[in-house]
PDB file of N, CA and C in Angstrom:
ATOM      1  N   MET A   1       1.181  -1.307  -0.197  1.00  0.00           N
ATOM      2  CA  MET A   1      -0.186  -0.029  -0.327  1.00  0.00           C
ATOM      3  C   MET A   1       0.758   1.062   0.152  1.00  0.00           C
ATOM      4  N   SER A   2       0.659   2.272  -0.820  1.00  0.00           N
ATOM      5  CA  SER A   2       1.216   3.425  -1.029  1.00  0.00           C
ATOM      6  C   SER A   2       1.368   4.352   0.482  1.00  0.00           C
ATOM      7  N   GLU A   3       1.711   5.531   0.343  1.00  0.00           N
ATOM      8  CA  GLU A   3       1.180   6.448   1.491  1.00  0.00           C
ATOM      9  C   GLU A   3       0.305   7.353   1.335  1.00  0.00           C
ATOM     10  N   ASN A   4       0.168   7.498  -0.256  1.00  0.00           N
ATOM     11  CA  ASN A   4      -1.181   7.815  -0.250  1.00  0.00           C
ATOM     12  C   ASN A   4      -2.585   7.458   0.186  1.00  0.00           C
ATOM     13  N   GLN A   5      -2.432   5.818   0.320  1.00  0.00           N
ATOM     14  CA  GLN A   5      -3.607   5.265   0.705  1.00  0.00           C
ATOM     15  C   GLN A   5      -3.971   4.876   2.065  1.00  0.00           C
ATOM     16  N   THR A   6      -5.009   5.209   2.408  1.00  0.00           N
ATOM     17  CA  THR A   6      -5.270   5.083   3.951  1.00  0.00           C
ATOM     18  C   THR A   6      -6.044   3.724   4.216  1.00  0.00           C
ATOM     19  N   ALA A   7      -5.515   2.873   4.893  1.00  0.00           N
ATOM     20  CA  ALA A   7      -6.717   1.764   5.510  1.00  0.00           C
ATOM     21  C   ALA A   7      -7.113   2.272   6.483  1.00  0.00           C
ATOM     22  N   PRO A   8      -8.710   1.618   7.153  1.00  0.00           N
ATOM     23  CA  PRO A   8      -9.025   1.587   8.407  1.00  0.00           C
ATOM     24  C   PRO A   8      -7.777   1.344   9.319  1.00  0.00           C
ATOM     25  N   ARG A   9      -7.749   2.417  10.384  1.00  0.00           N
ATOM     26  CA  ARG A   9      -6.738   1.748  11.699  1.00  0.00           C
ATOM     27  C   ARG A   9      -7.659   1.025  12.432  1.00  0.00           C
ATOM     28  N   GLU A  10      -6.737  -0.028  12.912  1.00  0.00           N
ATOM     29  CA  GLU A  10      -7.273  -0.841  13.757  1.00  0.00           C
ATOM     30  C   GLU A  10      -7.181  -0.138  15.227  1.00  0.00           C
ATOM     31  N   ILE A  11      -7.924  -0.752  16.588  1.00  0.00           N
ATOM     32  CA  ILE A  11      -8.186  -0.458  17.736  1.00  0.00           C
ATOM     33  C   ILE A  11      -7.354  -1.014  18.646  1.00  0.00           C
ATOM     34  N   ASP A  12      -6.668  -0.902  19.446  1.00  0.00           N
ATOM     35  CA  ASP A  12      -5.589  -1.657  19.920  1.00  0.00           C
ATOM     36  C   ASP A  12      -7.027  -2.648  21.186  1.00  0.00           C
ATOM     37  N   PRO A  13      -6.839  -3.691  20.822  1.00  0.00           N
ATOM     38  CA  PRO A  13      -7.715  -4.750  21.894  1.00  0.00           C
ATOM     39  C   PRO A  13      -7.964  -4.299  22.667  1.00  0.00           C
ATOM     40  N   LYS A  14      -6.529  -4.143  23.760  1.00  0.00           N
ATOM     41  CA  LYS A  14      -7.005  -3.608  25.092  1.00  0.00           C
ATOM     42  C   LYS A  14      -7.280  -2.793  25.649  1.00  0.00           C
ATOM     43  N   LEU A  15      -7.450  -1.330  24.837  1.00  0.00           N
ATOM     44  CA  LEU A  15      -8.301  -0.513  24.647  1.00  0.00           C
ATOM     45  C   LEU A  15      -9.977  -0.814  24.404  1.00  0.00           C
ATOM     46  N   LEU A  16     -10.282  -2.098  23.614  1.00  0.00           N
ATOM     47  CA  LEU A  16     -11.604  -2.170  23.265  1.00  0.00           C
ATOM     48  C   LEU A  16     -11.962  -3.017  24.533  1.00  0.00           C
ATOM     49  N   GLU A  17     -11.092  -3.247  25.755  1.00  0.00           N
ATOM     50  CA  GLU A  17     -11.722  -4.399  26.410  1.00  0.00           C
ATOM     51  C   GLU A  17     -12.096  -3.467  28.088  1.00  0.00           C
ATOM     52  N   ILE A  18     -11.532  -2.108  27.841  1.00  0.00           N
ATOM     53  CA  ILE A  18     -11.815  -1.361  28.978  1.00  0.00           C
ATOM     54  C   ILE A  18     -13.440  -0.274  28.745  1.00  0.00           C
ATOM     55  N   LEU A  19     -13.335  -0.239  27.037  1.00  0.00           N
ATOM     56  CA  LEU A  19     -14.294   0.783  26.706  1.00  0.00           C
ATOM     57  C   LEU A  19     -15.426   0.380  26.760  1.00  0.00           C
ATOM     58  N   VAL A  20     -16.162   1.471  27.440  1.00  0.00           N
ATOM     59  CA  VAL A  20     -17.752   0.735  27.559  1.00  0.00           C
ATOM     60  C   VAL A  20     -18.711   1.953  27.443  1.00  0.00           C
ATOM     61  N   CYS A  21     -20.204   1.997  26.623  1.00  0.00           N
ATOM     62  CA  CYS A  21     -21.247   2.774  26.786  1.00  0.00           C
ATOM     63  C   CYS A  21     -21.369   3.736  27.810  1.00  0.00           C
ATOM     64  N   PRO A  22     -20.811   5.525  27.442  1.00  0.00           N
ATOM     65  CA  PRO A  22     -20.940   6.305  28.052  1.00  0.00           C
ATOM     66  C   PRO A  22     -22.377   6.324  28.841  1.00  0.00           C
ATOM     67  N   VAL A  23     -23.605   5.844  28.193  1.00  0.00           N
ATOM     68  CA  VAL A  23     -24.558   6.116  28.996  1.00  0.00           C
ATOM     69  C   VAL A  23     -25.244   5.239  29.497  1.00  0.00           C
ATOM     70  N   THR A  24     -25.035   3.774  28.893  1.00  0.00           N
ATOM     71  CA  THR A  24     -25.334   2.331  29.579  1.00  0.00           C
ATOM     72  C   THR A  24     -24.313   1.610  30.593  1.00  0.00           C
ATOM     73  N   ARG A  25     -23.143   2.011  30.334  1.00  0.00           N
ATOM     74  CA  ARG A  25     -21.976   1.279  30.616  1.00  0.00           C
ATOM     75  C   ARG A  25     -21.388   0.194  30.364  1.00  0.00           C
ATOM     76  N   GLY A  26     -22.171  -0.187  29.444  1.00  0.00           N
ATOM     77  CA  GLY A  26     -22.823  -1.743  28.742  1.00  0.00           C
ATOM     78  C   GLY A  26     -21.381  -1.932  28.060  1.00  0.00           C
ATOM     79  N   PRO A  27     -21.605  -3.224  27.360  1.00  0.00           N
ATOM     80  CA  PRO A  27     -20.351  -3.676  26.650  1.00  0.00           C
ATOM     81  C   PRO A  27     -20.461  -2.926  24.477  1.00  0.00           C
ATOM     82  N   LEU A  28     -19.625  -2.777  23.953  1.00  0.00           N
ATOM     83  CA  LEU A  28     -19.471  -1.843  22.818  1.00  0.00           C
ATOM     84  C   LEU A  28     -18.645  -3.330  21.896  1.00  0.00           C
ATOM     85  N   LYS A  29     -19.801  -3.166  20.938  1.00  0.00           N
ATOM     86  CA  LYS A  29     -18.585  -4.387  19.519  1.00  0.00           C
ATOM     87  C   LYS A  29     -18.172  -3.250  18.681  1.00  0.00           C
ATOM     88  N   TYR A  30     -17.080  -3.657  17.725  1.00  0.00           N
ATOM     89  CA  TYR A  30     -15.842  -3.051  17.151  1.00  0.00           C
ATOM     90  C   TYR A  30     -17.397  -3.395  15.408  1.00  0.00           C
ATOM     91  N   ASP A  31     -17.504  -2.286  14.817  1.00  0.00           N
ATOM     92  CA  ASP A  31     -17.385  -2.276  13.998  1.00  0.00           C
ATOM     93  C   ASP A  31     -16.235  -2.001  12.988  1.00  0.00           C
ATOM     94  N   ARG A  32     -15.193  -2.944  12.137  1.00  0.00           N
ATOM     95  CA  ARG A  32     -14.280  -2.427  11.554  1.00  0.00           C
ATOM     96  C   ARG A  32     -14.816  -1.884  10.397  1.00  0.00           C
ATOM     97  N   LYS A  33     -15.558  -2.037   9.567  1.00  0.00           N
ATOM     98  CA  LYS A  33     -15.675  -1.430   8.240  1.00  0.00           C
ATOM     99  C   LYS A  33     -16.395  -0.377   8.736  1.00  0.00           C
ATOM    100  N   ALA A  34     -17.506   0.383   9.288  1.00  0.00           N
ATOM    101  CA  ALA A  34     -17.643   1.831   9.254  1.00  0.00           C
ATOM    102  C   ALA A  34     -17.089   2.310  10.542  1.00  0.00           C
ATOM    103  N   GLN A  35     -15.904   1.588  11.011  1.00  0.00           N
ATOM    104  CA  GLN A  35     -14.931   2.682  11.826  1.00  0.00           C
ATOM    105  C   GLN A  35     -15.941   3.127  12.983  1.00  0.00           C
ATOM    106  N   GLU A  36     -16.607   2.336  13.722  1.00  0.00           N
ATOM    107  CA  GLU A  36     -17.632   2.359  14.996  1.00  0.00           C
ATOM    108  C   GLU A  36     -17.527   1.667  15.953  1.00  0.00           C
ATOM    109  N   LEU A  37     -17.704   2.286  17.430  1.00  0.00           N
ATOM    110  CA  LEU A  37     -17.989   1.253  18.511  1.00  0.00           C
ATOM    111  C   LEU A  37     -19.811   1.239  18.514  1.00  0.00           C
ATOM    112  N   VAL A  38     -19.848   0.253  18.659  1.00  0.00           N
ATOM    113  CA  VAL A  38     -21.860   0.308  18.882  1.00  0.00           C
ATOM    114  C   VAL A  38     -22.222   0.049  19.799  1.00  0.00           C
ATOM    115  N   SER A  39     -23.068   0.585  20.946  1.00  0.00           N
ATOM    116  CA  SER A  39     -23.370   0.099  21.871  1.00  0.00           C
ATOM    117  C   SER A  39     -25.340  -0.644  21.621  1.00  0.00           C
ATOM    118  N   ASP A  40     -25.320  -1.772  21.555  1.00  0.00           N
ATOM    119  CA  ASP A  40     -26.922  -1.921  21.298  1.00  0.00           C
ATOM    120  C   ASP A  40     -27.767  -1.167  22.308  1.00  0.00           C
ATOM    121  N   SER A  41     -27.567  -1.586  23.624  1.00  0.00           N
ATOM    122  CA  SER A  41     -28.537  -1.381  24.917  1.00  0.00           C
ATOM    123  C   SER A  41     -29.021  -0.034  24.830  1.00  0.00           C
ATOM    124  N   ALA A  42     -28.257   1.369  23.927  1.00  0.00           N
ATOM    125  CA  ALA A  42     -28.098   2.468  23.932  1.00  0.00           C
ATOM    126  C   ALA A  42     -28.602   3.150  22.644  1.00  0.00           C
ATOM    127  N   GLY A  43     -28.490   1.841  21.513  1.00  0.00           N
ATOM    128  CA  GLY A  43     -28.830   2.087  20.173  1.00  0.00           C
ATOM    129  C   GLY A  43     -28.015   3.289  19.521  1.00  0.00           C
ATOM    130  N   LEU A  44     -26.940   3.268  19.843  1.00  0.00           N
ATOM    131  CA  LEU A  44     -25.985   4.507  19.310  1.00  0.00           C
ATOM    132  C   LEU A  44     -24.552   3.714  18.528  1.00  0.00           C
ATOM    133  N   ALA A  45     -24.293   3.889  18.359  1.00  0.00           N
ATOM    134  CA  ALA A  45     -22.418   3.825  17.588  1.00  0.00           C
ATOM    135  C   ALA A  45     -21.413   5.498  17.304  1.00  0.00           C
ATOM    136  N   TYR A  46     -20.472   5.268  18.588  1.00  0.00           N
ATOM    137  CA  TYR A  46     -19.635   5.618  18.130  1.00  0.00           C
ATOM    138  C   TYR A  46     -18.499   6.123  17.519  1.00  0.00           C
ATOM    139  N   PRO A  47     -18.694   7.074  16.989  1.00  0.00           N
ATOM    140  CA  PRO A  47     -17.651   7.073  15.386  1.00  0.00           C
ATOM    141  C   PRO A  47     -15.520   6.782  16.187  1.00  0.00           C
ATOM    142  N   ILE A  48     -15.453   6.653  14.846  1.00  0.00           N
ATOM    143  CA  ILE A  48     -14.076   6.703  15.128  1.00  0.00           C
ATOM    144  C   ILE A  48     -13.087   7.268  14.509  1.00  0.00           C
ATOM    145  N   ARG A  49     -12.364   8.345  14.985  1.00  0.00           N
ATOM    146  CA  ARG A  49     -11.702   9.084  14.093  1.00  0.00           C
ATOM    147  C   ARG A  49     -10.441   9.416  13.836  1.00  0.00           C
ATOM    148  N   ASP A  50      -9.473   9.167  13.055  1.00  0.00           N
ATOM    149  CA  ASP A  50      -7.838   8.702  13.025  1.00  0.00           C
ATOM    150  C   ASP A  50      -7.516   7.495  14.405  1.00  0.00           C
ATOM    151  N   GLY A  51      -8.076   6.858  14.427  1.00  0.00           N
ATOM    152  CA  GLY A  51      -7.768   5.842  15.761  1.00  0.00           C
ATOM    153  C   GLY A  51      -8.135   6.318  16.852  1.00  0.00           C
ATOM    154  N   ILE A  52      -9.294   7.589  16.655  1.00  0.00           N
ATOM    155  CA  ILE A  52      -9.144   7.502  18.405  1.00  0.00           C
ATOM    156  C   ILE A  52     -11.339   7.483  18.398  1.00  0.00           C
ATOM    157  N   PRO A  53     -11.411   6.494  19.513  1.00  0.00           N
ATOM    158  CA  PRO A  53     -12.651   6.354  19.029  1.00  0.00           C
ATOM    159  C   PRO A  53     -13.477   8.040  20.682  1.00  0.00           C
ATOM    160  N   ILE A  54     -14.245   8.336  19.460  1.00  0.00           N
ATOM    161  CA  ILE A  54     -15.078   9.686  19.869  1.00  0.00           C
ATOM    162  C   ILE A  54     -16.140   9.026  20.852  1.00  0.00           C
ATOM    163  N   MET A  55     -16.041   9.043  22.338  1.00  0.00           N
ATOM    164  CA  MET A  55     -17.305   8.619  22.810  1.00  0.00           C
ATOM    165  C   MET A  55     -17.923   9.526  23.848  1.00  0.00           C
ATOM    166  N   LEU A  56     -18.629  10.436  23.011  1.00  0.00           N
ATOM    167  CA  LEU A  56     -19.512  11.776  23.504  1.00  0.00           C
ATOM    168  C   LEU A  56     -21.050  11.290  22.645  1.00  0.00           C
ATOM    169  N   PRO A  57     -21.738  11.384  23.579  1.00  0.00           N
ATOM    170  CA  PRO A  57     -22.844  10.849  23.236  1.00  0.00           C
ATOM    171  C   PRO A  57     -23.881  11.763  21.819  1.00  0.00           C
ATOM    172  N   ASP A  58     -22.976  13.175  22.122  1.00  0.00           N
ATOM    173  CA  ASP A  58     -23.329  14.172  21.180  1.00  0.00           C
ATOM    174  C   ASP A  58     -22.972  13.655  19.614  1.00  0.00           C
ATOM    175  N   GLU A  59     -22.196  13.319  19.538  1.00  0.00           N
ATOM    176  CA  GLU A  59     -21.458  12.625  18.595  1.00  0.00           C
ATOM    177  C   GLU A  59     -21.446  10.823  17.995  1.00  0.00           C
ATOM    178  N   ALA A  60     -22.283  10.594  18.624  1.00  0.00           N
ATOM    179  CA  ALA A  60     -22.790   9.159  18.083  1.00  0.00           C
ATOM    180  C   ALA A  60     -23.489   9.506  17.062  1.00  0.00           C
ATOM    181  N   ARG A  61     -24.147   8.267  16.673  1.00  0.00           N
ATOM    182  CA  ARG A  61     -24.853   8.315  15.538  1.00  0.00           C
ATOM    183  C   ARG A  61     -26.202   6.937  16.409  1.00  0.00           C
ATOM    184  N   LYS A  62     -27.573   7.238  15.444  1.00  0.00           N
ATOM    185  CA  LYS A  62     -28.721   6.802  16.333  1.00  0.00           C
ATOM    186  C   LYS A  62     -28.926   5.307  15.279  1.00  0.00           C
ATOM    187  N   LEU A  63     -28.813   4.491  15.925  1.00  0.00           N
ATOM    188  CA  LEU A  63     -29.109   3.589  15.426  1.00  0.00           C
ATOM    189  C   LEU A  63     -30.730   2.946  15.195  1.00  0.00           C
ATOM    190  N   GLU A  64     -31.328   2.267  13.863  1.00  0.00           N
ATOM    191  CA  GLU A  64     -32.390   2.427  13.246  1.00  0.00           C
ATOM    192  C   GLU A  64     -33.070   1.156  14.532  1.00  0.00           C
ATOM    193  N   ARG A  65     -33.695   1.217  14.905  1.00  0.00           N
ATOM    194  CA  ARG A  65     -34.737   0.075  15.518  1.00  0.00           C
ATOM    195  C   ARG A  65     -35.629  -0.704  14.882  1.00  0.00           C
ATOM    196  N   ASP A  66     -35.454  -1.860  14.654  1.00  0.00           N
ATOM    197  CA  ASP A  66     -36.413  -2.701  13.740  1.00  0.00           C
ATOM    198  C   ASP A  66     -37.859  -3.067  14.622  1.00  0.00           C
TER     199      ASP A  66
END
């Protein structure tokens, strides 16, 4: 891969183990393709920008419920 191409950054697995949803304190799932941390219990997806999880509810995307 050349310098101009950017691949999705990986999140440190140890970081994923300790991060929880700031709203529910529940677990998060890592969506590598979307670069988000998903809280099913809160119905929110927190973005990951430049490898840094943005754990602010105001920045999170609301998930559509079935």
